C-alpha atoms as a PDB file:
ATOM      1  CA  MET A   1      42.196  11.812  63.424  1.00  0.00           C
ATOM      2  CA  LEU A   2      38.788  10.121  63.832  1.00  0.00           C
ATOM      3  CA  ILE A   3      36.749   9.945  60.632  1.00  0.00           C
ATOM      4  CA  GLU A   4      33.145   8.810  60.814  1.00  0.00           C
ATOM      5  CA  LYS A   5      32.252   5.945  58.430  1.00  0.00           C
ATOM      6  CA  ASN A   6      29.477   7.986  56.750  1.00  0.00           C
ATOM      7  CA  THR A   7      30.404   9.284  53.333  1.00  0.00           C
ATOM      8  CA  LEU A   8      31.323  12.903  52.882  1.00  0.00           C
ATOM      9  CA  ASP A   9      29.356  13.932  49.855  1.00  0.00           C
ATOM     10  CA  GLU A  10      29.471  17.390  48.341  1.00  0.00           C
ATOM     11  CA  ASN A  11      27.054  19.754  50.114  1.00  0.00           C
ATOM     12  CA  ASN A  12      26.817  17.605  53.275  1.00  0.00           C
ATOM     13  CA  ILE A  13      26.839  19.684  56.442  1.00  0.00           C
ATOM     14  CA  ILE A  14      29.877  18.504  58.399  1.00  0.00           C
ATOM     15  CA  THR A  15      31.486  19.239  61.745  1.00  0.00           C
ATOM     16  CA  LEU A  16      35.217  19.491  62.354  1.00  0.00           C
ATOM     17  CA  LYS A  17      36.880  19.503  65.765  1.00  0.00           C
ATOM     18  CA  LEU A  18      40.241  21.210  65.461  1.00  0.00           C
ATOM     19  CA  SER A  19      43.282  20.325  67.542  1.00  0.00           C
ATOM     20  CA  SER A  20      43.047  23.839  69.020  1.00  0.00           C
ATOM     21  CA  GLY A  21      39.597  22.993  70.433  1.00  0.00           C
ATOM     22  CA  GLU A  22      37.320  24.924  68.077  1.00  0.00           C
ATOM     23  CA  GLU A  23      34.314  23.164  66.607  1.00  0.00           C
ATOM     24  CA  ILE A  24      33.443  24.219  63.059  1.00  0.00           C
ATOM     25  CA  ILE A  25      30.301  23.448  61.086  1.00  0.00           C
ATOM     26  CA  GLY A  26      29.943  24.103  57.376  1.00  0.00           C
ATOM     27  CA  LYS A  27      28.988  22.840  53.952  1.00  0.00           C
ATOM     28  CA  PHE A  28      31.512  20.296  52.659  1.00  0.00           C
ATOM     29  CA  ILE A  29      32.674  21.034  49.107  1.00  0.00           C
ATOM     30  CA  ARG A  30      35.611  18.688  48.571  1.00  0.00           C
ATOM     31  CA  GLU A  31      38.893  17.476  49.981  1.00  0.00           C
ATOM     32  CA  ASP A  32      42.362  17.019  48.577  1.00  0.00           C
ATOM     33  CA  GLU A  33      45.463  15.398  50.035  1.00  0.00           C
ATOM     34  CA  THR A  34      46.091  18.173  52.562  1.00  0.00           C
ATOM     35  CA  SER A  35      42.854  20.089  53.176  1.00  0.00           C
ATOM     36  CA  TYR A  36      39.070  20.221  53.355  1.00  0.00           C
ATOM     37  CA  LEU A  37      37.221  22.911  51.408  1.00  0.00           C
ATOM     38  CA  MET A  38      34.143  24.233  53.221  1.00  0.00           C
ATOM     39  CA  GLU A  39      31.567  26.854  52.344  1.00  0.00           C
ATOM     40  CA  LYS A  40      30.094  29.295  54.900  1.00  0.00           C
ATOM     41  CA  PRO A  41      31.973  27.832  57.880  1.00  0.00           C
ATOM     42  CA  LEU A  42      30.715  28.798  61.319  1.00  0.00           C
ATOM     43  CA  MET A  43      32.096  27.994  64.745  1.00  0.00           C
ATOM     44  CA  LEU A  44      30.211  27.275  67.911  1.00  0.00           C
ATOM     45  CA  ALA A  45      30.362  30.194  70.331  1.00  0.00           C
ATOM     46  CA  MET A  46      28.864  30.923  73.724  1.00  0.00           C
ATOM     47  CA  SER A  47      26.488  33.877  74.014  1.00  0.00           C
ATOM     48  CA  GLN A  48      24.200  35.212  76.713  1.00  0.00           C
ATOM     49  CA  LYS A  49      21.439  33.023  75.265  1.00  0.00           C
ATOM     50  CA  GLY A  50      23.580  29.875  75.216  1.00  0.00           C
ATOM     51  CA  VAL A  51      25.457  28.191  72.385  1.00  0.00           C
ATOM     52  CA  GLY A  52      25.270  29.943  69.027  1.00  0.00           C
ATOM     53  CA  MET A  53      27.042  30.010  65.700  1.00  0.00           C
ATOM     54  CA  ALA A  54      29.503  32.734  64.696  1.00  0.00           C
ATOM     55  CA  PRO A  55      31.717  33.283  61.641  1.00  0.00           C
ATOM     56  CA  VAL A  56      35.030  31.425  61.740  1.00  0.00           C
ATOM     57  CA  LEU A  57      36.808  34.464  60.275  1.00  0.00           C
ATOM     58  CA  MET A  58      35.338  37.862  61.142  1.00  0.00           C
ATOM     59  CA  THR A  59      37.227  39.789  58.431  1.00  0.00           C
ATOM     60  CA  VAL A  60      36.330  37.485  55.510  1.00  0.00           C
ATOM     61  CA  ASN A  61      33.152  37.520  53.442  1.00  0.00           C
ATOM     62  CA  PRO A  62      30.747  35.064  55.152  1.00  0.00           C
ATOM     63  CA  GLU A  63      29.941  33.534  51.750  1.00  0.00           C
ATOM     64  CA  SER A  64      33.599  32.556  51.245  1.00  0.00           C
ATOM     65  CA  LYS A  65      34.901  29.059  50.810  1.00  0.00           C
ATOM     66  CA  ILE A  66      37.856  28.294  53.053  1.00  0.00           C
ATOM     67  CA  LYS A  67      40.414  25.511  53.221  1.00  0.00           C
ATOM     68  CA  ILE A  68      41.117  23.875  56.543  1.00  0.00           C
ATOM     69  CA  GLN A  69      44.344  21.915  56.738  1.00  0.00           C
ATOM     70  CA  LYS A  70      43.864  18.247  57.582  1.00  0.00           C
ATOM     71  CA  HIS A  71      46.741  18.259  60.075  1.00  0.00           C
ATOM     72  CA  ALA A  72      44.709  20.694  62.225  1.00  0.00           C
ATOM     73  CA  VAL A  73      41.647  18.411  62.361  1.00  0.00           C
ATOM     74  CA  MET A  74      41.173  15.888  65.165  1.00  0.00           C
ATOM     75  CA  ILE A  75      37.619  14.751  64.380  1.00  0.00           C
ATOM     76  CA  LEU A  76      35.494  15.006  61.242  1.00  0.00           C
ATOM     77  CA  ALA A  77      31.879  13.825  61.020  1.00  0.00           C
ATOM     78  CA  ASN A  78      28.566  14.511  59.346  1.00  0.00           C
ATOM     79  CA  SER A  79      26.674  16.979  61.542  1.00  0.00           C
ATOM     80  CA  ASP A  80      23.670  15.963  63.622  1.00  0.00           C
ATOM     81  CA  GLU A  81      20.484  16.429  61.573  1.00  0.00           C
ATOM     82  CA  ASP A  82      18.933  19.022  63.932  1.00  0.00           C
ATOM     83  CA  ILE A  83      22.178  21.015  64.097  1.00  0.00           C
ATOM     84  CA  ALA A  84      22.503  20.857  60.297  1.00  0.00           C
ATOM     85  CA  LYS A  85      18.966  22.248  59.950  1.00  0.00           C
ATOM     86  CA  GLN A  86      19.839  25.108  62.307  1.00  0.00           C
ATOM     87  CA  TYR A  87      23.007  25.784  60.292  1.00  0.00           C
ATOM     88  CA  ILE A  88      20.988  25.889  57.041  1.00  0.00           C
ATOM     89  CA  TYR A  89      18.472  28.257  58.627  1.00  0.00           C
ATOM     90  CA  GLN A  90      21.202  30.551  59.937  1.00  0.00           C
ATOM     91  CA  THR A  91      23.142  30.688  56.651  1.00  0.00           C
ATOM     92  CA  THR A  92      20.193  30.866  54.230  1.00  0.00           C
ATOM     93  CA  GLY A  93      17.138  31.985  56.183  1.00  0.00           C
ATOM     94  CA  ILE A  94      15.330  28.883  54.896  1.00  0.00           C
ATOM     95  CA  GLN A  95      13.662  26.698  57.518  1.00  0.00           C
ATOM     96  CA  PRO A  96      14.185  23.052  56.419  1.00  0.00           C
ATOM     97  CA  VAL A  97      11.079  20.885  56.329  1.00  0.00           C
ATOM     98  CA  THR A  98      10.900  18.152  58.953  1.00  0.00           C
ATOM     99  CA  SER A  99       9.035  14.867  58.682  1.00  0.00           C
ATOM    100  CA  SER A 100       6.804  15.808  61.657  1.00  0.00           C
ATOM    101  CA  ILE A 101       5.428  18.749  59.649  1.00  0.00           C
ATOM    102  CA  LEU A 102       4.487  16.352  56.859  1.00  0.00           C
ATOM    103  CA  GLY A 103       2.915  13.897  59.288  1.00  0.00           C
ATOM    104  CA  VAL A 104       5.245  11.101  58.209  1.00  0.00           C
END
């Protein structure tokens, strides 16, 4: 498994690539010896409008925290900043502030 050198701090938005091919984005809560705990996990899915985000589990409350077994993960990394902002917007309805808005 490839692990990016960046630290995985609680509440970071991370991306997992599973050995089955799915790509999952979610809020990192914590890890233990065998699993990662994520909140509001979404997977990338194709739609008529292009790539979108859909619930990982359709029959589970979208607010749930889920464990993903480490043996199923091929790649783990902090998500791209723009993708993380889109994830936050989709899961909270809050549009994150960008530096260009502030003129910085």
